[in-house]
C-alpha atoms as a PDB file:
ATOM      1  CA  UNK A   1      10.915  -3.558 -25.714  1.00  0.00           C
ATOM      2  CA  UNK A   2       9.573  -0.109 -26.352  1.00  0.00           C
ATOM      3  CA  UNK A   3       6.879  -0.234 -23.721  1.00  0.00           C
ATOM      4  CA  UNK A   4       9.517  -0.771 -21.145  1.00  0.00           C
ATOM      5  CA  UNK A   5      11.636   2.126 -22.387  1.00  0.00           C
ATOM      6  CA  UNK A   6       8.754   4.386 -21.999  1.00  0.00           C
ATOM      7  CA  UNK A   7       8.237   3.158 -18.466  1.00  0.00           C
ATOM      8  CA  UNK A   8      11.863   3.666 -17.565  1.00  0.00           C
ATOM      9  CA  UNK A   9      11.828   7.119 -18.832  1.00  0.00           C
ATOM     10  CA  UNK A  10       8.682   7.902 -16.736  1.00  0.00           C
ATOM     11  CA  UNK A  11      10.452   6.384 -13.597  1.00  0.00           C
ATOM     12  CA  UNK A  12      13.519   8.419 -14.166  1.00  0.00           C
ATOM     13  CA  UNK A  13      11.565  11.608 -14.299  1.00  0.00           C
ATOM     14  CA  UNK A  14      10.564  11.039 -10.651  1.00  0.00           C
ATOM     15  CA  UNK A  15       6.601  11.922 -11.130  1.00  0.00           C
ATOM     16  CA  UNK A  16       7.426  14.803 -13.191  1.00  0.00           C
ATOM     17  CA  UNK A  17       5.464  15.262 -16.507  1.00  0.00           C
ATOM     18  CA  UNK A  18       7.075  14.023 -19.605  1.00  0.00           C
ATOM     19  CA  UNK A  19       5.604  15.305 -22.965  1.00  0.00           C
ATOM     20  CA  UNK A  20       4.597  12.899 -25.744  1.00  0.00           C
ATOM     21  CA  UNK A  21       6.575  14.948 -28.144  1.00  0.00           C
ATOM     22  CA  UNK A  22       9.949  14.452 -26.160  1.00  0.00           C
ATOM     23  CA  UNK A  23       9.090  10.640 -25.695  1.00  0.00           C
ATOM     24  CA  UNK A  24       8.452  10.344 -29.474  1.00  0.00           C
ATOM     25  CA  UNK A  25      11.646  12.131 -30.322  1.00  0.00           C
ATOM     26  CA  UNK A  26      13.741  10.145 -27.811  1.00  0.00           C
ATOM     27  CA  UNK A  27      12.522   6.768 -28.743  1.00  0.00           C
ATOM     28  CA  UNK A  28      12.017   7.565 -32.631  1.00  0.00           C
ATOM     29  CA  UNK A  29       8.542   6.503 -32.866  1.00  0.00           C
ATOM     30  CA  UNK A  30       5.135   8.596 -33.543  1.00  0.00           C
ATOM     31  CA  UNK A  31       3.273  10.094 -30.696  1.00  0.00           C
ATOM     32  CA  UNK A  32       0.315   7.750 -31.517  1.00  0.00           C
ATOM     33  CA  UNK A  33       2.605   4.832 -30.796  1.00  0.00           C
ATOM     34  CA  UNK A  34       3.699   6.539 -27.461  1.00  0.00           C
ATOM     35  CA  UNK A  35      -0.094   6.975 -26.541  1.00  0.00           C
ATOM     36  CA  UNK A  36      -0.723   3.209 -27.414  1.00  0.00           C
ATOM     37  CA  UNK A  37       2.001   2.199 -25.128  1.00  0.00           C
ATOM     38  CA  UNK A  38       1.071   4.401 -22.316  1.00  0.00           C
ATOM     39  CA  UNK A  39      -2.612   2.738 -22.388  1.00  0.00           C
ATOM     40  CA  UNK A  40      -0.852  -0.595 -22.460  1.00  0.00           C
ATOM     41  CA  UNK A  41       0.958   0.249 -19.299  1.00  0.00           C
ATOM     42  CA  UNK A  42      -2.235   1.587 -17.518  1.00  0.00           C
ATOM     43  CA  UNK A  43      -3.892  -1.778 -18.433  1.00  0.00           C
ATOM     44  CA  UNK A  44      -0.946  -3.614 -16.792  1.00  0.00           C
ATOM     45  CA  UNK A  45      -1.643  -1.757 -13.527  1.00  0.00           C
ATOM     46  CA  UNK A  46       0.582   1.352 -13.789  1.00  0.00           C
ATOM     47  CA  UNK A  47      -1.069   4.619 -12.449  1.00  0.00           C
ATOM     48  CA  UNK A  48      -0.119   7.003 -15.163  1.00  0.00           C
ATOM     49  CA  UNK A  49      -1.614  10.626 -15.342  1.00  0.00           C
ATOM     50  CA  UNK A  50      -2.076  11.988 -18.728  1.00  0.00           C
ATOM     51  CA  UNK A  51      -2.590  15.918 -18.982  1.00  0.00           C
ATOM     52  CA  UNK A  52      -2.954  18.016 -22.323  1.00  0.00           C
ATOM     53  CA  UNK A  53       0.068  20.229 -23.062  1.00  0.00           C
ATOM     54  CA  UNK A  54       1.924  18.706 -20.062  1.00  0.00           C
ATOM     55  CA  UNK A  55       2.226  15.076 -21.151  1.00  0.00           C
ATOM     56  CA  UNK A  56       2.485  11.996 -18.809  1.00  0.00           C
ATOM     57  CA  UNK A  57       3.702  11.139 -15.436  1.00  0.00           C
ATOM     58  CA  UNK A  58       3.754   7.938 -13.272  1.00  0.00           C
ATOM     59  CA  UNK A  59       1.998   8.934 -10.137  1.00  0.00           C
ATOM     60  CA  UNK A  60       3.074   6.139  -8.008  1.00  0.00           C
ATOM     61  CA  UNK A  61       4.882   2.773  -7.955  1.00  0.00           C
ATOM     62  CA  UNK A  62       2.120   0.362  -7.245  1.00  0.00           C
ATOM     63  CA  UNK A  63       3.003  -3.208  -6.339  1.00  0.00           C
ATOM     64  CA  UNK A  64       3.287  -4.500  -9.863  1.00  0.00           C
ATOM     65  CA  UNK A  65       5.362  -7.480 -10.523  1.00  0.00           C
ATOM     66  CA  UNK A  66       6.875  -8.318 -13.784  1.00  0.00           C
ATOM     67  CA  UNK A  67      10.461  -8.885 -15.238  1.00  0.00           C
ATOM     68  CA  UNK A  68      11.135  -5.069 -15.825  1.00  0.00           C
ATOM     69  CA  UNK A  69      10.271  -4.244 -12.063  1.00  0.00           C
ATOM     70  CA  UNK A  70      12.712  -6.854 -10.826  1.00  0.00           C
ATOM     71  CA  UNK A  71      15.454  -6.133 -13.246  1.00  0.00           C
ATOM     72  CA  UNK A  72      15.208  -2.264 -12.735  1.00  0.00           C
ATOM     73  CA  UNK A  73      17.838  -1.619 -10.126  1.00  0.00           C
ATOM     74  CA  UNK A  74      18.911  -5.112  -9.722  1.00  0.00           C
ATOM     75  CA  UNK A  75      22.548  -5.156  -8.279  1.00  0.00           C
ATOM     76  CA  UNK A  76      23.763  -8.628  -9.102  1.00  0.00           C
ATOM     77  CA  UNK A  77      26.353 -10.166 -11.535  1.00  0.00           C
ATOM     78  CA  UNK A  78      24.827 -13.555 -11.915  1.00  0.00           C
ATOM     79  CA  UNK A  79      21.568 -14.387 -10.231  1.00  0.00           C
ATOM     80  CA  UNK A  80      18.760 -12.697 -12.081  1.00  0.00           C
ATOM     81  CA  UNK A  81      20.571 -12.118 -15.394  1.00  0.00           C
ATOM     82  CA  UNK A  82      17.964 -14.274 -16.781  1.00  0.00           C
ATOM     83  CA  UNK A  83      14.492 -13.899 -15.381  1.00  0.00           C
ATOM     84  CA  UNK A  84      11.430 -15.826 -16.504  1.00  0.00           C
ATOM     85  CA  UNK A  85       8.184 -14.249 -15.240  1.00  0.00           C
ATOM     86  CA  UNK A  86       4.774 -16.130 -15.557  1.00  0.00           C
ATOM     87  CA  UNK A  87       1.588 -14.801 -14.445  1.00  0.00           C
ATOM     88  CA  UNK A  88       0.350 -18.080 -13.170  1.00  0.00           C
ATOM     89  CA  UNK A  89       2.234 -21.394 -12.991  1.00  0.00           C
ATOM     90  CA  UNK A  90       1.550 -24.873 -11.087  1.00  0.00           C
ATOM     91  CA  UNK A  91       4.756 -24.599  -9.495  1.00  0.00           C
ATOM     92  CA  UNK A  92       7.836 -22.360  -9.885  1.00  0.00           C
ATOM     93  CA  UNK A  93       9.973 -25.211  -8.760  1.00  0.00           C
ATOM     94  CA  UNK A  94       8.351 -27.562 -11.289  1.00  0.00           C
ATOM     95  CA  UNK A  95       8.914 -24.997 -14.113  1.00  0.00           C
ATOM     96  CA  UNK A  96      12.468 -24.060 -13.027  1.00  0.00           C
ATOM     97  CA  UNK A  97      13.382 -27.878 -12.946  1.00  0.00           C
ATOM     98  CA  UNK A  98      12.132 -28.200 -16.560  1.00  0.00           C
ATOM     99  CA  UNK A  99      14.151 -25.300 -18.015  1.00  0.00           C
ATOM    100  CA  UNK A 100      17.121 -26.493 -15.951  1.00  0.00           C
ATOM    101  CA  UNK A 101      16.958 -29.916 -17.652  1.00  0.00           C
ATOM    102  CA  UNK A 102      16.754 -28.006 -21.003  1.00  0.00           C
ATOM    103  CA  UNK A 103      19.986 -26.098 -19.933  1.00  0.00           C
ATOM    104  CA  UNK A 104      18.982 -23.036 -18.086  1.00  0.00           C
ATOM    105  CA  UNK A 105      21.984 -21.069 -17.036  1.00  0.00           C
ATOM    106  CA  UNK A 106      23.267 -20.820 -13.474  1.00  0.00           C
ATOM    107  CA  UNK A 107      21.283 -18.155 -11.664  1.00  0.00           C
ATOM    108  CA  UNK A 108      18.210 -18.172 -13.861  1.00  0.00           C
ATOM    109  CA  UNK A 109      15.255 -16.863 -11.753  1.00  0.00           C
ATOM    110  CA  UNK A 110      11.552 -17.988 -12.288  1.00  0.00           C
ATOM    111  CA  UNK A 111       8.795 -15.778 -10.692  1.00  0.00           C
ATOM    112  CA  UNK A 112       5.108 -16.136 -10.788  1.00  0.00           C
ATOM    113  CA  UNK A 113       2.321 -13.799  -9.564  1.00  0.00           C
ATOM    114  CA  UNK A 114       0.507 -17.037  -8.422  1.00  0.00           C
ATOM    115  CA  UNK A 115       0.869 -20.728  -8.143  1.00  0.00           C
ATOM    116  CA  UNK A 116      -1.776 -23.289  -8.450  1.00  0.00           C
ATOM    117  CA  UNK A 117       0.167 -26.319  -6.799  1.00  0.00           C
ATOM    118  CA  UNK A 118       2.746 -24.572  -4.767  1.00  0.00           C
ATOM    119  CA  UNK A 119       4.689 -27.039  -2.536  1.00  0.00           C
ATOM    120  CA  UNK A 120       6.734 -26.907   0.804  1.00  0.00           C
ATOM    121  CA  UNK A 121       9.104 -29.401   2.502  1.00  0.00           C
ATOM    122  CA  UNK A 122       7.886 -32.880   3.266  1.00  0.00           C
ATOM    123  CA  UNK A 123       5.457 -32.658   0.343  1.00  0.00           C
ATOM    124  CA  UNK A 124       3.209 -29.987   2.024  1.00  0.00           C
ATOM    125  CA  UNK A 125       0.971 -27.759   0.159  1.00  0.00           C
ATOM    126  CA  UNK A 126       1.845 -24.016   0.056  1.00  0.00           C
ATOM    127  CA  UNK A 127      -0.947 -21.370  -0.498  1.00  0.00           C
ATOM    128  CA  UNK A 128       0.204 -19.155  -3.280  1.00  0.00           C
ATOM    129  CA  UNK A 129      -2.365 -16.300  -3.947  1.00  0.00           C
ATOM    130  CA  UNK A 130      -2.176 -14.147  -6.963  1.00  0.00           C
ATOM    131  CA  UNK A 131      -0.826 -10.625  -6.082  1.00  0.00           C
ATOM    132  CA  UNK A 132      -0.042 -11.206  -2.445  1.00  0.00           C
ATOM    133  CA  UNK A 133       3.221 -12.963  -2.260  1.00  0.00           C
ATOM    134  CA  UNK A 134       6.606 -13.811  -3.686  1.00  0.00           C
ATOM    135  CA  UNK A 135       6.680 -17.252  -5.318  1.00  0.00           C
ATOM    136  CA  UNK A 136      10.094 -17.779  -7.012  1.00  0.00           C
ATOM    137  CA  UNK A 137      12.683 -20.431  -7.725  1.00  0.00           C
ATOM    138  CA  UNK A 138      16.456 -19.944  -8.722  1.00  0.00           C
ATOM    139  CA  UNK A 139      18.349 -22.609 -10.758  1.00  0.00           C
ATOM    140  CA  UNK A 140      21.812 -22.903  -9.281  1.00  0.00           C
ATOM    141  CA  UNK A 141      24.753 -25.033 -10.826  1.00  0.00           C
ATOM    142  CA  UNK A 142      27.352 -25.089  -7.886  1.00  0.00           C
ATOM    143  CA  UNK A 143      30.180 -27.383  -8.016  1.00  0.00           C
ATOM    144  CA  UNK A 144      29.547 -29.270  -4.812  1.00  0.00           C
ATOM    145  CA  UNK A 145      28.617 -32.783  -3.719  1.00  0.00           C
ATOM    146  CA  UNK A 146      25.166 -33.817  -2.666  1.00  0.00           C
ATOM    147  CA  UNK A 147      26.202 -33.838   1.157  1.00  0.00           C
ATOM    148  CA  UNK A 148      26.948 -30.198   0.777  1.00  0.00           C
ATOM    149  CA  UNK A 149      23.513 -29.133  -0.401  1.00  0.00           C
ATOM    150  CA  UNK A 150      22.189 -28.296   3.010  1.00  0.00           C
ATOM    151  CA  UNK A 151      24.460 -25.354   3.346  1.00  0.00           C
ATOM    152  CA  UNK A 152      22.874 -23.545   0.278  1.00  0.00           C
ATOM    153  CA  UNK A 153      19.466 -24.120   1.851  1.00  0.00           C
ATOM    154  CA  UNK A 154      20.628 -22.599   5.226  1.00  0.00           C
ATOM    155  CA  UNK A 155      22.319 -19.877   3.345  1.00  0.00           C
ATOM    156  CA  UNK A 156      19.073 -18.941   1.575  1.00  0.00           C
ATOM    157  CA  UNK A 157      17.278 -18.435   5.020  1.00  0.00           C
ATOM    158  CA  UNK A 158      19.944 -15.954   5.956  1.00  0.00           C
ATOM    159  CA  UNK A 159      19.551 -14.007   2.645  1.00  0.00           C
ATOM    160  CA  UNK A 160      15.633 -13.937   3.251  1.00  0.00           C
ATOM    161  CA  UNK A 161      16.094 -12.587   6.746  1.00  0.00           C
ATOM    162  CA  UNK A 162      18.531 -10.071   5.627  1.00  0.00           C
ATOM    163  CA  UNK A 163      16.260  -8.987   2.516  1.00  0.00           C
ATOM    164  CA  UNK A 164      13.132  -8.768   4.684  1.00  0.00           C
ATOM    165  CA  UNK A 165      14.754  -6.503   7.244  1.00  0.00           C
ATOM    166  CA  UNK A 166      16.473  -4.230   4.775  1.00  0.00           C
ATOM    167  CA  UNK A 167      13.150  -3.643   2.715  1.00  0.00           C
ATOM    168  CA  UNK A 168      10.578  -3.764   5.451  1.00  0.00           C
ATOM    169  CA  UNK A 169      12.376  -3.201   8.727  1.00  0.00           C
ATOM    170  CA  UNK A 170      10.909  -6.348  10.219  1.00  0.00           C
ATOM    171  CA  UNK A 171      13.270  -8.493  12.387  1.00  0.00           C
ATOM    172  CA  UNK A 172      12.284 -12.094  11.657  1.00  0.00           C
ATOM    173  CA  UNK A 173      13.918 -15.386  12.951  1.00  0.00           C
ATOM    174  CA  UNK A 174      14.866 -18.705  11.447  1.00  0.00           C
ATOM    175  CA  UNK A 175      13.172 -22.063  12.629  1.00  0.00           C
ATOM    176  CA  UNK A 176      15.580 -24.888  11.747  1.00  0.00           C
ATOM    177  CA  UNK A 177      16.348 -25.464   9.014  1.00  0.00           C
ATOM    178  CA  UNK A 178      14.944 -22.750   6.818  1.00  0.00           C
ATOM    179  CA  UNK A 179      11.425 -21.433   7.906  1.00  0.00           C
ATOM    180  CA  UNK A 180      11.376 -17.625   8.272  1.00  0.00           C
ATOM    181  CA  UNK A 181       9.038 -16.737  11.245  1.00  0.00           C
ATOM    182  CA  UNK A 182       7.524 -13.703  12.662  1.00  0.00           C
ATOM    183  CA  UNK A 183       6.017 -13.918  16.172  1.00  0.00           C
ATOM    184  CA  UNK A 184       6.220 -17.715  16.006  1.00  0.00           C
ATOM    185  CA  UNK A 185       4.355 -17.941  12.753  1.00  0.00           C
ATOM    186  CA  UNK A 186       5.688 -18.880   9.337  1.00  0.00           C
ATOM    187  CA  UNK A 187       6.113 -16.035   6.766  1.00  0.00           C
ATOM    188  CA  UNK A 188       8.590 -17.559   4.471  1.00  0.00           C
ATOM    189  CA  UNK A 189       9.508 -21.161   3.455  1.00  0.00           C
ATOM    190  CA  UNK A 190      12.310 -22.546   1.343  1.00  0.00           C
ATOM    191  CA  UNK A 191      12.445 -25.673  -0.587  1.00  0.00           C
ATOM    192  CA  UNK A 192      15.747 -26.913  -2.295  1.00  0.00           C
ATOM    193  CA  UNK A 193      15.465 -29.816  -4.748  1.00  0.00           C
ATOM    194  CA  UNK A 194      18.422 -31.445  -6.359  1.00  0.00           C
ATOM    195  CA  UNK A 195      19.561 -33.212  -9.494  1.00  0.00           C
ATOM    196  CA  UNK A 196      22.555 -35.101  -8.863  1.00  0.00           C
ATOM    197  CA  UNK A 197      24.820 -37.969  -9.601  1.00  0.00           C
ATOM    198  CA  UNK A 198      26.746 -39.987  -6.949  1.00  0.00           C
ATOM    199  CA  UNK A 199      29.471 -37.409  -6.263  1.00  0.00           C
ATOM    200  CA  UNK A 200      28.327 -34.285  -8.094  1.00  0.00           C
ATOM    201  CA  UNK A 201      25.231 -32.002  -8.128  1.00  0.00           C
ATOM    202  CA  UNK A 202      24.080 -31.186 -11.581  1.00  0.00           C
ATOM    203  CA  UNK A 203      21.696 -28.678 -10.548  1.00  0.00           C
ATOM    204  CA  UNK A 204      19.605 -27.337  -7.659  1.00  0.00           C
ATOM    205  CA  UNK A 205      16.258 -25.633  -7.638  1.00  0.00           C
ATOM    206  CA  UNK A 206      16.005 -23.231  -4.766  1.00  0.00           C
ATOM    207  CA  UNK A 207      12.317 -22.201  -4.189  1.00  0.00           C
ATOM    208  CA  UNK A 208      11.442 -19.424  -2.054  1.00  0.00           C
ATOM    209  CA  UNK A 209       7.864 -18.485  -0.847  1.00  0.00           C
ATOM    210  CA  UNK A 210       7.112 -15.320   1.045  1.00  0.00           C
ATOM    211  CA  UNK A 211       3.748 -14.154   2.383  1.00  0.00           C
ATOM    212  CA  UNK A 212       3.928 -10.406   1.805  1.00  0.00           C
ATOM    213  CA  UNK A 213       0.632  -8.666   1.598  1.00  0.00           C
ATOM    214  CA  UNK A 214      -1.725 -11.160   2.678  1.00  0.00           C
ATOM    215  CA  UNK A 215      -4.512 -10.276   5.146  1.00  0.00           C
ATOM    216  CA  UNK A 216      -5.462 -12.660   7.997  1.00  0.00           C
ATOM    217  CA  UNK A 217      -8.519 -13.537   5.930  1.00  0.00           C
ATOM    218  CA  UNK A 218      -6.340 -14.559   3.158  1.00  0.00           C
ATOM    219  CA  UNK A 219      -5.135 -17.789   4.866  1.00  0.00           C
ATOM    220  CA  UNK A 220      -6.955 -20.952   4.968  1.00  0.00           C
ATOM    221  CA  UNK A 221      -8.414 -22.058   8.276  1.00  0.00           C
ATOM    222  CA  UNK A 222      -6.032 -24.952   8.594  1.00  0.00           C
ATOM    223  CA  UNK A 223      -2.964 -22.677   8.489  1.00  0.00           C
ATOM    224  CA  UNK A 224      -4.086 -19.599  10.266  1.00  0.00           C
ATOM    225  CA  UNK A 225      -2.716 -20.525  13.500  1.00  0.00           C
ATOM    226  CA  UNK A 226       0.759 -21.002  12.075  1.00  0.00           C
ATOM    227  CA  UNK A 227       1.236 -18.626   9.151  1.00  0.00           C
ATOM    228  CA  UNK A 228       1.361 -14.853   8.841  1.00  0.00           C
ATOM    229  CA  UNK A 229       2.537 -12.283   6.322  1.00  0.00           C
ATOM    230  CA  UNK A 230       4.810  -9.210   6.456  1.00  0.00           C
ATOM    231  CA  UNK A 231       1.833  -6.970   6.272  1.00  0.00           C
ATOM    232  CA  UNK A 232      -0.163  -8.653   8.835  1.00  0.00           C
ATOM    233  CA  UNK A 233       2.938  -8.730  11.082  1.00  0.00           C
ATOM    234  CA  UNK A 234       3.663  -5.257  10.464  1.00  0.00           C
ATOM    235  CA  UNK A 235       0.251  -4.143  11.339  1.00  0.00           C
ATOM    236  CA  UNK A 236       0.346  -5.900  14.569  1.00  0.00           C
ATOM    237  CA  UNK A 237       3.082  -3.977  15.847  1.00  0.00           C
ATOM    238  CA  UNK A 238       2.256  -0.539  14.270  1.00  0.00           C
ATOM    239  CA  UNK A 239      -1.493  -0.345  13.762  1.00  0.00           C
ATOM    240  CA  UNK A 240      -1.253   3.304  12.807  1.00  0.00           C
ATOM    241  CA  UNK A 241       1.029   2.817  10.086  1.00  0.00           C
ATOM    242  CA  UNK A 242      -0.087  -0.514   8.351  1.00  0.00           C
ATOM    243  CA  UNK A 243       1.285  -0.582   4.740  1.00  0.00           C
ATOM    244  CA  UNK A 244       1.657  -2.960   1.936  1.00  0.00           C
ATOM    245  CA  UNK A 245       5.259  -3.810   0.546  1.00  0.00           C
ATOM    246  CA  UNK A 246       6.424  -3.619  -3.074  1.00  0.00           C
ATOM    247  CA  UNK A 247       7.303  -7.413  -3.811  1.00  0.00           C
ATOM    248  CA  UNK A 248       9.808  -6.365  -6.393  1.00  0.00           C
ATOM    249  CA  UNK A 249      11.791  -4.503  -3.798  1.00  0.00           C
ATOM    250  CA  UNK A 250      12.059  -7.637  -1.613  1.00  0.00           C
ATOM    251  CA  UNK A 251      12.900  -9.689  -4.562  1.00  0.00           C
ATOM    252  CA  UNK A 252      15.674  -7.439  -5.828  1.00  0.00           C
ATOM    253  CA  UNK A 253      17.451  -7.362  -2.427  1.00  0.00           C
ATOM    254  CA  UNK A 254      16.780 -11.130  -1.782  1.00  0.00           C
ATOM    255  CA  UNK A 255      18.692 -11.836  -5.080  1.00  0.00           C
ATOM    256  CA  UNK A 256      21.361  -9.606  -4.171  1.00  0.00           C
ATOM    257  CA  UNK A 257      21.799 -11.357  -0.634  1.00  0.00           C
ATOM    258  CA  UNK A 258      21.619 -14.821  -2.364  1.00  0.00           C
ATOM    259  CA  UNK A 259      24.548 -13.991  -4.627  1.00  0.00           C
ATOM    260  CA  UNK A 260      26.575 -12.919  -1.559  1.00  0.00           C
ATOM    261  CA  UNK A 261      25.666 -16.323   0.034  1.00  0.00           C
ATOM    262  CA  UNK A 262      26.467 -18.105  -3.388  1.00  0.00           C
ATOM    263  CA  UNK A 263      29.966 -16.472  -3.669  1.00  0.00           C
ATOM    264  CA  UNK A 264      30.919 -17.383  -0.134  1.00  0.00           C
ATOM    265  CA  UNK A 265      29.898 -20.994  -0.925  1.00  0.00           C
ATOM    266  CA  UNK A 266      32.088 -20.823  -3.975  1.00  0.00           C
ATOM    267  CA  UNK A 267      35.014 -19.667  -1.981  1.00  0.00           C
ATOM    268  CA  UNK A 268      34.410 -22.346   0.793  1.00  0.00           C
ATOM    269  CA  UNK A 269      33.457 -19.878   3.423  1.00  0.00           C
ATOM    270  CA  UNK A 270      30.934 -22.390   5.036  1.00  0.00           C
ATOM    271  CA  UNK A 271      31.655 -21.403   8.626  1.00  0.00           C
ATOM    272  CA  UNK A 272      30.677 -17.660   7.836  1.00  0.00           C
ATOM    273  CA  UNK A 273      27.246 -18.814   6.900  1.00  0.00           C
ATOM    274  CA  UNK A 274      26.719 -21.077   9.825  1.00  0.00           C
ATOM    275  CA  UNK A 275      27.723 -18.445  12.093  1.00  0.00           C
ATOM    276  CA  UNK A 276      25.258 -15.975  10.394  1.00  0.00           C
ATOM    277  CA  UNK A 277      22.578 -18.488  10.638  1.00  0.00           C
ATOM    278  CA  UNK A 278      23.158 -18.982  14.303  1.00  0.00           C
ATOM    279  CA  UNK A 279      22.676 -15.311  14.796  1.00  0.00           C
ATOM    280  CA  UNK A 280      19.053 -15.367  13.413  1.00  0.00           C
ATOM    281  CA  UNK A 281      18.070 -18.685  14.805  1.00  0.00           C
ATOM    282  CA  UNK A 282      14.906 -19.058  16.669  1.00  0.00           C
ATOM    283  CA  UNK A 283      15.575 -22.706  17.378  1.00  0.00           C
ATOM    284  CA  UNK A 284      18.912 -22.851  19.303  1.00  0.00           C
ATOM    285  CA  UNK A 285      18.363 -23.093  23.003  1.00  0.00           C
ATOM    286  CA  UNK A 286      14.688 -23.945  22.702  1.00  0.00           C
ATOM    287  CA  UNK A 287      12.837 -27.134  23.602  1.00  0.00           C
ATOM    288  CA  UNK A 288      11.820 -28.954  20.452  1.00  0.00           C
ATOM    289  CA  UNK A 289      10.026 -31.985  19.443  1.00  0.00           C
ATOM    290  CA  UNK A 290      11.613 -34.139  16.508  1.00  0.00           C
ATOM    291  CA  UNK A 291       9.260 -36.162  14.423  1.00  0.00           C
ATOM    292  CA  UNK A 292      10.836 -38.821  12.005  1.00  0.00           C
ATOM    293  CA  UNK A 293       8.339 -41.224  10.405  1.00  0.00           C
ATOM    294  CA  UNK A 294       6.933 -43.127  13.636  1.00  0.00           C
ATOM    295  CA  UNK A 295       9.574 -42.087  15.873  1.00  0.00           C
ATOM    296  CA  UNK A 296       9.181 -38.832  18.011  1.00  0.00           C
ATOM    297  CA  UNK A 297      11.335 -37.441  20.769  1.00  0.00           C
ATOM    298  CA  UNK A 298      11.936 -34.134  22.583  1.00  0.00           C
ATOM    299  CA  UNK A 299      15.042 -32.239  23.813  1.00  0.00           C
ATOM    300  CA  UNK A 300      16.817 -29.086  23.570  1.00  0.00           C
ATOM    301  CA  UNK A 301      18.263 -27.578  20.347  1.00  0.00           C
ATOM    302  CA  UNK A 302      22.008 -27.160  21.130  1.00  0.00           C
ATOM    303  CA  UNK A 303      23.803 -26.162  18.165  1.00  0.00           C
ATOM    304  CA  UNK A 304      24.139 -26.555  14.357  1.00  0.00           C
ATOM    305  CA  UNK A 305      27.124 -28.263  12.586  1.00  0.00           C
ATOM    306  CA  UNK A 306      28.893 -27.045   9.656  1.00  0.00           C
ATOM    307  CA  UNK A 307      27.004 -29.449   7.391  1.00  0.00           C
ATOM    308  CA  UNK A 308      23.745 -28.089   8.621  1.00  0.00           C
ATOM    309  CA  UNK A 309      22.790 -30.826  11.227  1.00  0.00           C
ATOM    310  CA  UNK A 310      20.923 -29.836  14.168  1.00  0.00           C
ATOM    311  CA  UNK A 311      22.380 -31.054  17.471  1.00  0.00           C
ATOM    312  CA  UNK A 312      19.672 -31.928  20.127  1.00  0.00           C
ATOM    313  CA  UNK A 313      20.248 -32.925  23.775  1.00  0.00           C
ATOM    314  CA  UNK A 314      17.400 -35.362  24.250  1.00  0.00           C
ATOM    315  CA  UNK A 315      15.301 -35.728  27.278  1.00  0.00           C
ATOM    316  CA  UNK A 316      16.632 -39.115  27.936  1.00  0.00           C
ATOM    317  CA  UNK A 317      20.411 -37.729  28.236  1.00  0.00           C
ATOM    318  CA  UNK A 318      21.596 -38.649  24.850  1.00  0.00           C
ATOM    319  CA  UNK A 319      22.719 -36.262  21.982  1.00  0.00           C
ATOM    320  CA  UNK A 320      21.401 -36.798  18.480  1.00  0.00           C
ATOM    321  CA  UNK A 321      22.264 -34.957  15.119  1.00  0.00           C
ATOM    322  CA  UNK A 322      19.140 -34.229  12.985  1.00  0.00           C
ATOM    323  CA  UNK A 323      19.225 -34.136   9.325  1.00  0.00           C
ATOM    324  CA  UNK A 324      16.564 -31.862   7.764  1.00  0.00           C
ATOM    325  CA  UNK A 325      15.670 -34.321   4.838  1.00  0.00           C
ATOM    326  CA  UNK A 326      12.613 -36.050   6.336  1.00  0.00           C
ATOM    327  CA  UNK A 327      12.395 -34.748   9.800  1.00  0.00           C
ATOM    328  CA  UNK A 328       9.943 -32.122  11.280  1.00  0.00           C
ATOM    329  CA  UNK A 329      11.190 -30.086  14.167  1.00  0.00           C
ATOM    330  CA  UNK A 330       8.470 -28.268  16.145  1.00  0.00           C
ATOM    331  CA  UNK A 331       8.534 -26.238  19.256  1.00  0.00           C
ATOM    332  CA  UNK A 332       7.074 -27.985  22.459  1.00  0.00           C
ATOM    333  CA  UNK A 333       4.220 -25.419  22.795  1.00  0.00           C
ATOM    334  CA  UNK A 334       3.502 -24.792  19.037  1.00  0.00           C
ATOM    335  CA  UNK A 335       4.986 -24.249  15.590  1.00  0.00           C
ATOM    336  CA  UNK A 336       8.076 -22.818  16.755  1.00  0.00           C
END
């Protein structure tokens, strides 16, 4: 796409001016065509300065989310080879499921700027404002049994932790099984949905939602006490240097880390993933309340097994293994 080629050249020139003449010669089009594409990029939100006899330059890299911004600099071999960007969708998981049923390839990524019906675990709603967060789903086709799916969900939480730290410097934790938390509040949720037969997974949809540049006022009243964003958390800890983060940078790093996890799963290195998950756990060693349908009990989270089950030493003295499917685990004094 010619427009993307113009943008790529402007990015490569690192805020230096590029003349319309050199752009037209390099791309084999008229200067009028270059001018039209520059205007189109401006309308898309890019801050491009135009100066007579100097040309054009990209002044800054705003937080613009599209296929080009994610692809540009993406360092993966499989995940993200095919990216579907949608301005607004009901749910990236629903859309990814649709294209997976139509044959979407392993590693296809669906990204939306906004969701109108985002979902979390146990059927909960997920607030997905336009321009504020990362709402994406990945189609995976691992050769595993349904019983092994939990390890991918746990691995995805490890990938999210690493990506967030690498791009923002924020050290988050994992609330079992896969919520990413900062200061005891949820900043990222992961939802894995499966299409399978008795002994084989046909495909997985790995949905990831990250609250990136929300303000406190952006959260609905009912979740303000348990939700936060990377920007809010960053501002709480360094009020003099509050900044917004480029979502495309986080996505690129996240897709890279996901691919590393996916490769480990293919090699059977499950223990490596579990060991990493334990390093980032904010649940192990803590008192928890386990809620399953009409049954509620409390205890201490002791360990996590290789299949992802949480081991809880109950207050009545017995030890139980907790599966994530229909269970909610909360801290005794709050969300964590």
